[in-house]
Every structure is written in C-alpha cells, then in structure tokens.
PDB file of all heavy atoms in Angstrom:
ATOM      1  N   GLY A   1      34.330 206.808 125.250  1.00  0.00           N
ATOM      2  CA  GLY A   1      34.540 208.159 125.769  1.00  0.00           C
ATOM      3  C   GLY A   1      34.518 209.206 124.668  1.00  0.00           C
ATOM      4  O   GLY A   1      33.936 210.283 124.824  1.00  0.00           O
ATOM      5  N   GLY A   2      35.146 208.888 123.534  1.00  0.00           N
ATOM      6  CA  GLY A   2      35.151 209.818 122.412  1.00  0.00           C
ATOM      7  C   GLY A   2      33.762 210.029 121.835  1.00  0.00           C
ATOM      8  O   GLY A   2      33.392 211.150 121.464  1.00  0.00           O
ATOM      9  N   GLN A   3      32.971 208.961 121.773  1.00  0.00           N
ATOM     10  CA  GLN A   3      31.597 209.077 121.278  1.00  0.00           C
ATOM     11  C   GLN A   3      30.736 209.884 122.242  1.00  0.00           C
ATOM     12  O   GLN A   3      29.889 210.678 121.820  1.00  0.00           O
ATOM     13  CB  GLN A   3      31.016 207.683 121.057  1.00  0.00           C
ATOM     14  CG  GLN A   3      31.641 206.953 119.867  1.00  0.00           C
ATOM     15  CD  GLN A   3      31.276 205.484 119.806  1.00  0.00           C
ATOM     16  OE1 GLN A   3      30.876 204.889 120.810  1.00  0.00           O
ATOM     17  NE2 GLN A   3      31.421 204.887 118.642  1.00  0.00           N
ATOM     18  N   LEU A   4      30.992 209.715 123.545  1.00  0.00           N
ATOM     19  CA  LEU A   4      30.278 210.522 124.543  1.00  0.00           C
ATOM     20  C   LEU A   4      30.537 212.009 124.323  1.00  0.00           C
ATOM     21  O   LEU A   4      29.610 212.826 124.348  1.00  0.00           O
ATOM     22  CB  LEU A   4      30.743 210.138 125.959  1.00  0.00           C
ATOM     23  CG  LEU A   4      30.053 208.987 126.666  1.00  0.00           C
ATOM     24  CD1 LEU A   4      30.775 208.658 127.960  1.00  0.00           C
ATOM     25  CD2 LEU A   4      28.600 209.321 126.953  1.00  0.00           C
ATOM     26  N   GLN A   5      31.812 212.361 124.095  1.00  0.00           N
ATOM     27  CA  GLN A   5      32.132 213.778 123.903  1.00  0.00           C
ATOM     28  C   GLN A   5      31.514 214.313 122.621  1.00  0.00           C
ATOM     29  O   GLN A   5      31.058 215.456 122.571  1.00  0.00           O
ATOM     30  CB  GLN A   5      33.648 213.983 123.905  1.00  0.00           C
ATOM     31  CG  GLN A   5      34.231 213.987 125.317  1.00  0.00           C
ATOM     32  CD  GLN A   5      35.622 214.573 125.382  1.00  0.00           C
ATOM     33  OE1 GLN A   5      36.437 214.371 124.490  1.00  0.00           O
ATOM     34  NE2 GLN A   5      35.902 215.306 126.447  1.00  0.00           N
ATOM     35  N   ARG A   6      31.467 213.492 121.583  1.00  0.00           N
ATOM     36  CA  ARG A   6      30.842 213.952 120.339  1.00  0.00           C
ATOM     37  C   ARG A   6      29.341 214.155 120.510  1.00  0.00           C
ATOM     38  O   ARG A   6      28.757 215.091 119.949  1.00  0.00           O
ATOM     39  CB  ARG A   6      31.137 212.968 119.205  1.00  0.00           C
ATOM     40  CG  ARG A   6      32.531 213.188 118.608  1.00  0.00           C
ATOM     41  CD  ARG A   6      32.800 212.259 117.445  1.00  0.00           C
ATOM     42  NE  ARG A   6      33.278 210.968 117.905  1.00  0.00           N
ATOM     43  CZ  ARG A   6      33.376 209.891 117.141  1.00  0.00           C
ATOM     44  NH1 ARG A   6      32.983 209.935 115.879  1.00  0.00           N
ATOM     45  NH2 ARG A   6      33.838 208.761 117.622  1.00  0.00           N
ATOM     46  N   LEU A   7      28.708 213.307 121.319  1.00  0.00           N
ATOM     47  CA  LEU A   7      27.282 213.505 121.598  1.00  0.00           C
ATOM     48  C   LEU A   7      27.058 214.763 122.427  1.00  0.00           C
ATOM     49  O   LEU A   7      26.072 215.484 122.226  1.00  0.00           O
ATOM     50  CB  LEU A   7      26.714 212.289 122.322  1.00  0.00           C
ATOM     51  CG  LEU A   7      26.515 211.035 121.465  1.00  0.00           C
ATOM     52  CD1 LEU A   7      26.148 209.838 122.332  1.00  0.00           C
ATOM     53  CD2 LEU A   7      25.455 211.257 120.395  1.00  0.00           C
ATOM     54  N   ALA A   8      27.965 215.043 123.361  1.00  0.00           N
ATOM     55  CA  ALA A   8      27.860 216.283 124.141  1.00  0.00           C
ATOM     56  C   ALA A   8      28.029 217.498 123.227  1.00  0.00           C
ATOM     57  O   ALA A   8      27.358 218.525 123.402  1.00  0.00           O
ATOM     58  CB  ALA A   8      28.913 216.294 125.243  1.00  0.00           C
ATOM     59  N   LEU A   9      28.919 217.384 122.239  1.00  0.00           N
ATOM     60  CA  LEU A   9      29.082 218.464 121.263  1.00  0.00           C
ATOM     61  C   LEU A   9      27.829 218.607 120.399  1.00  0.00           C
ATOM     62  O   LEU A   9      27.396 219.728 120.104  1.00  0.00           O
ATOM     63  CB  LEU A   9      30.299 218.198 120.377  1.00  0.00           C
ATOM     64  CG  LEU A   9      31.652 218.512 121.016  1.00  0.00           C
ATOM     65  CD1 LEU A   9      32.782 217.853 120.230  1.00  0.00           C
ATOM     66  CD2 LEU A   9      31.885 220.009 121.085  1.00  0.00           C
ATOM     67  N   ALA A  10      27.226 217.480 120.025  1.00  0.00           N
ATOM     68  CA  ALA A  10      25.980 217.531 119.250  1.00  0.00           C
ATOM     69  C   ALA A  10      24.908 218.277 120.034  1.00  0.00           C
ATOM     70  O   ALA A  10      24.155 219.088 119.483  1.00  0.00           O
ATOM     71  CB  ALA A  10      25.510 216.116 118.914  1.00  0.00           C
ATOM     72  N   ARG A  11      24.845 218.019 121.327  1.00  0.00           N
ATOM     73  CA  ARG A  11      23.881 218.713 122.191  1.00  0.00           C
ATOM     74  C   ARG A  11      24.151 220.222 122.182  1.00  0.00           C
ATOM     75  O   ARG A  11      23.223 221.030 122.127  1.00  0.00           O
ATOM     76  CB  ARG A  11      23.984 218.156 123.607  1.00  0.00           C
ATOM     77  CG  ARG A  11      22.952 218.689 124.570  1.00  0.00           C
ATOM     78  CD  ARG A  11      23.212 218.140 125.969  1.00  0.00           C
ATOM     79  NE  ARG A  11      22.895 216.733 126.075  1.00  0.00           N
ATOM     80  CZ  ARG A  11      23.221 215.972 127.123  1.00  0.00           C
ATOM     81  NH1 ARG A  11      23.891 216.490 128.130  1.00  0.00           N
ATOM     82  NH2 ARG A  11      22.890 214.705 127.158  1.00  0.00           N
ATOM     83  N   ALA A  12      25.429 220.605 122.229  1.00  0.00           N
ATOM     84  CA  ALA A  12      25.778 222.030 122.222  1.00  0.00           C
ATOM     85  C   ALA A  12      25.447 222.675 120.885  1.00  0.00           C
ATOM     86  O   ALA A  12      24.961 223.807 120.830  1.00  0.00           O
ATOM     87  CB  ALA A  12      27.260 222.203 122.542  1.00  0.00           C
ATOM     88  N   PHE A  13      25.721 221.967 119.772  1.00  0.00           N
ATOM     89  CA  PHE A  13      25.356 222.493 118.459  1.00  0.00           C
ATOM     90  C   PHE A  13      23.849 222.691 118.368  1.00  0.00           C
ATOM     91  O   PHE A  13      23.364 223.714 117.861  1.00  0.00           O
ATOM     92  CB  PHE A  13      25.808 221.540 117.347  1.00  0.00           C
ATOM     93  CG  PHE A  13      27.250 221.716 116.927  1.00  0.00           C
ATOM     94  CD1 PHE A  13      28.202 220.755 117.229  1.00  0.00           C
ATOM     95  CD2 PHE A  13      27.652 222.827 116.203  1.00  0.00           C
ATOM     96  CE1 PHE A  13      29.524 220.904 116.843  1.00  0.00           C
ATOM     97  CE2 PHE A  13      28.966 222.994 115.810  1.00  0.00           C
ATOM     98  CZ  PHE A  13      29.906 222.024 116.130  1.00  0.00           C
ATOM     99  N   TYR A  14      23.106 221.715 118.855  1.00  0.00           N
ATOM    100  CA  TYR A  14      21.643 221.782 118.789  1.00  0.00           C
ATOM    101  C   TYR A  14      21.094 222.894 119.673  1.00  0.00           C
ATOM    102  O   TYR A  14      20.181 223.622 119.296  1.00  0.00           O
ATOM    103  CB  TYR A  14      21.065 220.428 119.210  1.00  0.00           C
ATOM    104  CG  TYR A  14      19.564 220.331 119.095  1.00  0.00           C
ATOM    105  CD1 TYR A  14      18.928 220.412 117.858  1.00  0.00           C
ATOM    106  CD2 TYR A  14      18.773 220.141 120.224  1.00  0.00           C
ATOM    107  CE1 TYR A  14      17.556 220.323 117.747  1.00  0.00           C
ATOM    108  CE2 TYR A  14      17.397 220.045 120.131  1.00  0.00           C
ATOM    109  CZ  TYR A  14      16.792 220.129 118.885  1.00  0.00           C
ATOM    110  OH  TYR A  14      15.424 220.044 118.780  1.00  0.00           O
ATOM    111  N   ARG A  15      21.690 223.043 120.849  1.00  0.00           N
ATOM    112  CA  ARG A  15      21.241 224.056 121.807  1.00  0.00           C
ATOM    113  C   ARG A  15      21.512 225.469 121.294  1.00  0.00           C
ATOM    114  O   ARG A  15      20.671 226.357 121.419  1.00  0.00           O
ATOM    115  CB  ARG A  15      21.944 223.829 123.142  1.00  0.00           C
ATOM    116  CG  ARG A  15      21.443 224.677 124.283  1.00  0.00           C
ATOM    117  CD  ARG A  15      22.090 224.232 125.592  1.00  0.00           C
ATOM    118  NE  ARG A  15      21.625 225.010 126.719  1.00  0.00           N
ATOM    119  CZ  ARG A  15      20.478 224.845 127.339  1.00  0.00           C
ATOM    120  NH1 ARG A  15      19.656 223.916 126.895  1.00  0.00           N
ATOM    121  NH2 ARG A  15      20.126 225.588 128.354  1.00  0.00           N
ATOM    122  N   ASN A  16      22.729 225.696 120.767  1.00  0.00           N
ATOM    123  CA  ASN A  16      23.079 226.968 120.129  1.00  0.00           C
ATOM    124  C   ASN A  16      22.947 228.174 121.053  1.00  0.00           C
ATOM    125  O   ASN A  16      22.611 229.276 120.617  1.00  0.00           O
ATOM    126  CB  ASN A  16      22.216 227.180 118.867  1.00  0.00           C
ATOM    127  CG  ASN A  16      22.774 228.265 117.968  1.00  0.00           C
ATOM    128  OD1 ASN A  16      23.990 228.386 117.815  1.00  0.00           O
ATOM    129  ND2 ASN A  16      21.909 229.049 117.367  1.00  0.00           N
ATOM    130  N   ALA A  17      23.220 227.981 122.346  1.00  0.00           N
ATOM    131  CA  ALA A  17      23.094 229.078 123.311  1.00  0.00           C
ATOM    132  C   ALA A  17      24.216 230.103 123.109  1.00  0.00           C
ATOM    133  O   ALA A  17      25.290 229.770 122.610  1.00  0.00           O
ATOM    134  CB  ALA A  17      23.137 228.527 124.729  1.00  0.00           C
ATOM    135  N   PRO A  18      23.995 231.368 123.501  1.00  0.00           N
ATOM    136  CA  PRO A  18      24.975 232.427 123.244  1.00  0.00           C
ATOM    137  C   PRO A  18      26.240 232.340 124.090  1.00  0.00           C
ATOM    138  O   PRO A  18      27.258 232.935 123.747  1.00  0.00           O
ATOM    139  CB  PRO A  18      24.207 233.709 123.547  1.00  0.00           C
ATOM    140  CG  PRO A  18      23.105 233.294 124.462  1.00  0.00           C
ATOM    141  CD  PRO A  18      22.728 231.908 124.045  1.00  0.00           C
ATOM    142  N   ILE A  19      26.199 231.624 125.222  1.00  0.00           N
ATOM    143  CA  ILE A  19      27.377 231.441 126.066  1.00  0.00           C
ATOM    144  C   ILE A  19      27.766 229.970 125.999  1.00  0.00           C
ATOM    145  O   ILE A  19      26.935 229.076 126.231  1.00  0.00           O
ATOM    146  CB  ILE A  19      27.106 231.863 127.518  1.00  0.00           C
ATOM    147  CG1 ILE A  19      26.724 233.346 127.578  1.00  0.00           C
ATOM    148  CG2 ILE A  19      28.322 231.595 128.403  1.00  0.00           C
ATOM    149  CD1 ILE A  19      26.221 233.802 128.940  1.00  0.00           C
ATOM    150  N   LEU A  20      29.022 229.708 125.688  1.00  0.00           N
ATOM    151  CA  LEU A  20      29.504 228.337 125.482  1.00  0.00           C
ATOM    152  C   LEU A  20      30.666 228.059 126.427  1.00  0.00           C
ATOM    153  O   LEU A  20      31.602 228.858 126.524  1.00  0.00           O
ATOM    154  CB  LEU A  20      29.950 228.163 124.032  1.00  0.00           C
ATOM    155  CG  LEU A  20      30.587 226.841 123.636  1.00  0.00           C
ATOM    156  CD1 LEU A  20      29.583 225.698 123.755  1.00  0.00           C
ATOM    157  CD2 LEU A  20      31.137 226.919 122.211  1.00  0.00           C
ATOM    158  N   ILE A  21      30.608 226.923 127.113  1.00  0.00           N
ATOM    159  CA  ILE A  21      31.685 226.499 128.011  1.00  0.00           C
ATOM    160  C   ILE A  21      32.251 225.178 127.506  1.00  0.00           C
ATOM    161  O   ILE A  21      31.517 224.191 127.383  1.00  0.00           O
ATOM    162  CB  ILE A  21      31.174 226.350 129.451  1.00  0.00           C
ATOM    163  CG1 ILE A  21      30.676 227.702 129.979  1.00  0.00           C
ATOM    164  CG2 ILE A  21      32.271 225.804 130.363  1.00  0.00           C
ATOM    165  CD1 ILE A  21      29.925 227.614 131.295  1.00  0.00           C
ATOM    166  N   LEU A  22      33.549 225.171 127.204  1.00  0.00           N
ATOM    167  CA  LEU A  22      34.228 223.970 126.719  1.00  0.00           C
ATOM    168  C   LEU A  22      35.256 223.550 127.769  1.00  0.00           C
ATOM    169  O   LEU A  22      36.265 224.226 127.963  1.00  0.00           O
ATOM    170  CB  LEU A  22      34.921 224.256 125.379  1.00  0.00           C
ATOM    171  CG  LEU A  22      34.021 224.762 124.243  1.00  0.00           C
ATOM    172  CD1 LEU A  22      34.876 225.175 123.046  1.00  0.00           C
ATOM    173  CD2 LEU A  22      33.014 223.701 123.843  1.00  0.00           C
ATOM    174  N   ASP A  23      34.992 222.447 128.438  1.00  0.00           N
ATOM    175  CA  ASP A  23      35.861 221.968 129.514  1.00  0.00           C
ATOM    176  C   ASP A  23      36.645 220.755 129.008  1.00  0.00           C
ATOM    177  O   ASP A  23      36.153 219.625 129.074  1.00  0.00           O
ATOM    178  CB  ASP A  23      35.017 221.599 130.729  1.00  0.00           C
ATOM    179  CG  ASP A  23      35.870 221.214 131.934  1.00  0.00           C
ATOM    180  OD1 ASP A  23      37.106 221.185 131.807  1.00  0.00           O
ATOM    181  OD2 ASP A  23      35.290 220.941 133.004  1.00  0.00           O
ATOM    182  N   GLU A  24      37.862 221.007 128.479  1.00  0.00           N
ATOM    183  CA  GLU A  24      38.666 219.931 127.895  1.00  0.00           C
ATOM    184  C   GLU A  24      37.793 219.109 126.948  1.00  0.00           C
ATOM    185  O   GLU A  24      37.756 217.875 126.996  1.00  0.00           O
ATOM    186  CB  GLU A  24      39.252 219.035 128.989  1.00  0.00           C
ATOM    187  CG  GLU A  24      40.242 219.730 129.902  1.00  0.00           C
ATOM    188  CD  GLU A  24      41.652 219.805 129.332  1.00  0.00           C
ATOM    189  OE1 GLU A  24      41.842 219.417 128.170  1.00  0.00           O
ATOM    190  OE2 GLU A  24      42.558 220.252 130.061  1.00  0.00           O
ATOM    191  N   ALA A  25      37.113 219.804 126.033  1.00  0.00           N
ATOM    192  CA  ALA A  25      36.030 219.193 125.263  1.00  0.00           C
ATOM    193  C   ALA A  25      36.481 218.166 124.239  1.00  0.00           C
ATOM    194  O   ALA A  25      35.653 217.455 123.674  1.00  0.00           O
ATOM    195  CB  ALA A  25      35.224 220.294 124.560  1.00  0.00           C
ATOM    196  N   THR A  26      37.778 218.074 123.967  1.00  0.00           N
ATOM    197  CA  THR A  26      38.255 217.078 122.998  1.00  0.00           C
ATOM    198  C   THR A  26      39.234 216.096 123.638  1.00  0.00           C
ATOM    199  O   THR A  26      39.935 215.381 122.940  1.00  0.00           O
ATOM    200  CB  THR A  26      38.944 217.771 121.807  1.00  0.00           C
ATOM    201  OG1 THR A  26      40.086 218.502 122.266  1.00  0.00           O
ATOM    202  CG2 THR A  26      38.002 218.717 121.096  1.00  0.00           C
ATOM    203  N   SER A  27      39.248 216.025 124.973  1.00  0.00           N
ATOM    204  CA  SER A  27      40.272 215.239 125.662  1.00  0.00           C
ATOM    205  C   SER A  27      40.171 213.742 125.392  1.00  0.00           C
ATOM    206  O   SER A  27      41.172 213.021 125.484  1.00  0.00           O
ATOM    207  CB  SER A  27      40.202 215.493 127.170  1.00  0.00           C
ATOM    208  OG  SER A  27      38.939 215.101 127.684  1.00  0.00           O
ATOM    209  N   ALA A  28      38.975 213.232 125.054  1.00  0.00           N
ATOM    210  CA  ALA A  28      38.806 211.790 124.850  1.00  0.00           C
ATOM    211  C   ALA A  28      38.817 211.394 123.376  1.00  0.00           C
ATOM    212  O   ALA A  28      38.549 210.247 123.043  1.00  0.00           O
ATOM    213  CB  ALA A  28      37.499 211.323 125.502  1.00  0.00           C
ATOM    214  N   LEU A  29      39.140 212.327 122.492  1.00  0.00           N
ATOM    215  CA  LEU A  29      39.113 212.047 121.056  1.00  0.00           C
ATOM    216  C   LEU A  29      40.488 211.657 120.543  1.00  0.00           C
ATOM    217  O   LEU A  29      41.500 212.162 121.023  1.00  0.00           O
ATOM    218  CB  LEU A  29      38.609 213.282 120.290  1.00  0.00           C
ATOM    219  CG  LEU A  29      37.216 213.798 120.658  1.00  0.00           C
ATOM    220  CD1 LEU A  29      36.932 215.082 119.909  1.00  0.00           C
ATOM    221  CD2 LEU A  29      36.157 212.756 120.334  1.00  0.00           C
ATOM    222  N   ASP A  30      40.512 210.769 119.552  1.00  0.00           N
ATOM    223  CA  ASP A  30      41.785 210.474 118.892  1.00  0.00           C
ATOM    224  C   ASP A  30      42.151 211.641 117.980  1.00  0.00           C
ATOM    225  O   ASP A  30      41.348 212.545 117.741  1.00  0.00           O
ATOM    226  CB  ASP A  30      41.724 209.154 118.112  1.00  0.00           C
ATOM    227  CG  ASP A  30      40.599 209.135 117.073  1.00  0.00           C
ATOM    228  OD1 ASP A  30      40.435 210.135 116.342  1.00  0.00           O
ATOM    229  OD2 ASP A  30      39.904 208.121 116.988  1.00  0.00           O
ATOM    230  N   SER A  31      43.387 211.637 117.444  1.00  0.00           N
ATOM    231  CA  SER A  31      43.891 212.802 116.717  1.00  0.00           C
ATOM    232  C   SER A  31      43.070 213.098 115.464  1.00  0.00           C
ATOM    233  O   SER A  31      42.829 214.263 115.136  1.00  0.00           O
ATOM    234  CB  SER A  31      45.359 212.597 116.342  1.00  0.00           C
ATOM    235  OG  SER A  31      45.519 211.411 115.582  1.00  0.00           O
ATOM    236  N   GLU A  32      42.591 212.070 114.763  1.00  0.00           N
ATOM    237  CA  GLU A  32      41.815 212.298 113.536  1.00  0.00           C
ATOM    238  C   GLU A  32      40.483 212.951 113.855  1.00  0.00           C
ATOM    239  O   GLU A  32      40.095 213.949 113.254  1.00  0.00           O
ATOM    240  CB  GLU A  32      41.578 210.974 112.801  1.00  0.00           C
ATOM    241  CG  GLU A  32      40.777 211.148 111.509  1.00  0.00           C
ATOM    242  CD  GLU A  32      40.531 209.835 110.787  1.00  0.00           C
ATOM    243  OE1 GLU A  32      41.039 208.789 111.258  1.00  0.00           O
ATOM    244  OE2 GLU A  32      39.847 209.857 109.761  1.00  0.00           O
ATOM    245  N   ASN A  33      39.764 212.399 114.847  1.00  0.00           N
ATOM    246  CA  ASN A  33      38.477 212.982 115.220  1.00  0.00           C
ATOM    247  C   ASN A  33      38.651 214.349 115.857  1.00  0.00           C
ATOM    248  O   ASN A  33      37.819 215.231 115.674  1.00  0.00           O
ATOM    249  CB  ASN A  33      37.734 212.041 116.175  1.00  0.00           C
ATOM    250  CG  ASN A  33      37.038 210.912 115.443  1.00  0.00           C
ATOM    251  OD1 ASN A  33      36.376 211.131 114.441  1.00  0.00           O
ATOM    252  ND2 ASN A  33      37.205 209.693 115.932  1.00  0.00           N
ATOM    253  N   GLU A  34      39.753 214.541 116.610  1.00  0.00           N
ATOM    254  CA  GLU A  34      39.986 215.836 117.242  1.00  0.00           C
ATOM    255  C   GLU A  34      40.140 216.922 116.190  1.00  0.00           C
ATOM    256  O   GLU A  34      39.592 218.015 116.322  1.00  0.00           O
ATOM    257  CB  GLU A  34      41.227 215.788 118.135  1.00  0.00           C
ATOM    258  CG  GLU A  34      41.440 217.094 118.896  1.00  0.00           C
ATOM    259  CD  GLU A  34      42.576 217.010 119.902  1.00  0.00           C
ATOM    260  OE1 GLU A  34      43.440 216.131 119.754  1.00  0.00           O
ATOM    261  OE2 GLU A  34      42.592 217.838 120.821  1.00  0.00           O
ATOM    262  N   GLU A  35      40.849 216.618 115.110  1.00  0.00           N
ATOM    263  CA  GLU A  35      41.031 217.604 114.041  1.00  0.00           C
ATOM    264  C   GLU A  35      39.696 217.951 113.398  1.00  0.00           C
ATOM    265  O   GLU A  35      39.392 219.119 113.136  1.00  0.00           O
ATOM    266  CB  GLU A  35      42.002 217.070 112.995  1.00  0.00           C
ATOM    267  CG  GLU A  35      42.310 218.088 111.898  1.00  0.00           C
ATOM    268  CD  GLU A  35      43.348 217.582 110.902  1.00  0.00           C
ATOM    269  OE1 GLU A  35      43.876 216.467 111.101  1.00  0.00           O
ATOM    270  OE2 GLU A  35      43.624 218.303 109.935  1.00  0.00           O
ATOM    271  N   ASN A  36      38.858 216.930 113.149  1.00  0.00           N
ATOM    272  CA  ASN A  36      37.539 217.176 112.569  1.00  0.00           C
ATOM    273  C   ASN A  36      36.682 218.034 113.492  1.00  0.00           C
ATOM    274  O   ASN A  36      36.013 218.974 113.054  1.00  0.00           O
ATOM    275  CB  ASN A  36      36.824 215.848 112.297  1.00  0.00           C
ATOM    276  CG  ASN A  36      37.445 215.076 111.151  1.00  0.00           C
ATOM    277  OD1 ASN A  36      38.049 215.662 110.245  1.00  0.00           O
ATOM    278  ND2 ASN A  36      37.316 213.761 111.173  1.00  0.00           N
TER     279      ASN A  36
END
C-alpha cells in the first residue's frame, strides 16, 4: 500500500499539473517514509 501511494505521488510529480488534489495521500506510509 505504501509503495502504491509513492507511485501515485511519482505520477503527480511527473504530471506537474497546476491544480493538485491530495486525498489522505500519506495514509499508507510508515512514519519514516511519511516524513520523507
């Protein structure tokens, strides 16, 4: 689940659209990865 969310974030970084929607975007990450 955490890797899925990081890939979704990679897609958002790559897309770089002017409007960004984050829906509990770090909910599946452990504390170390969430901080990063």
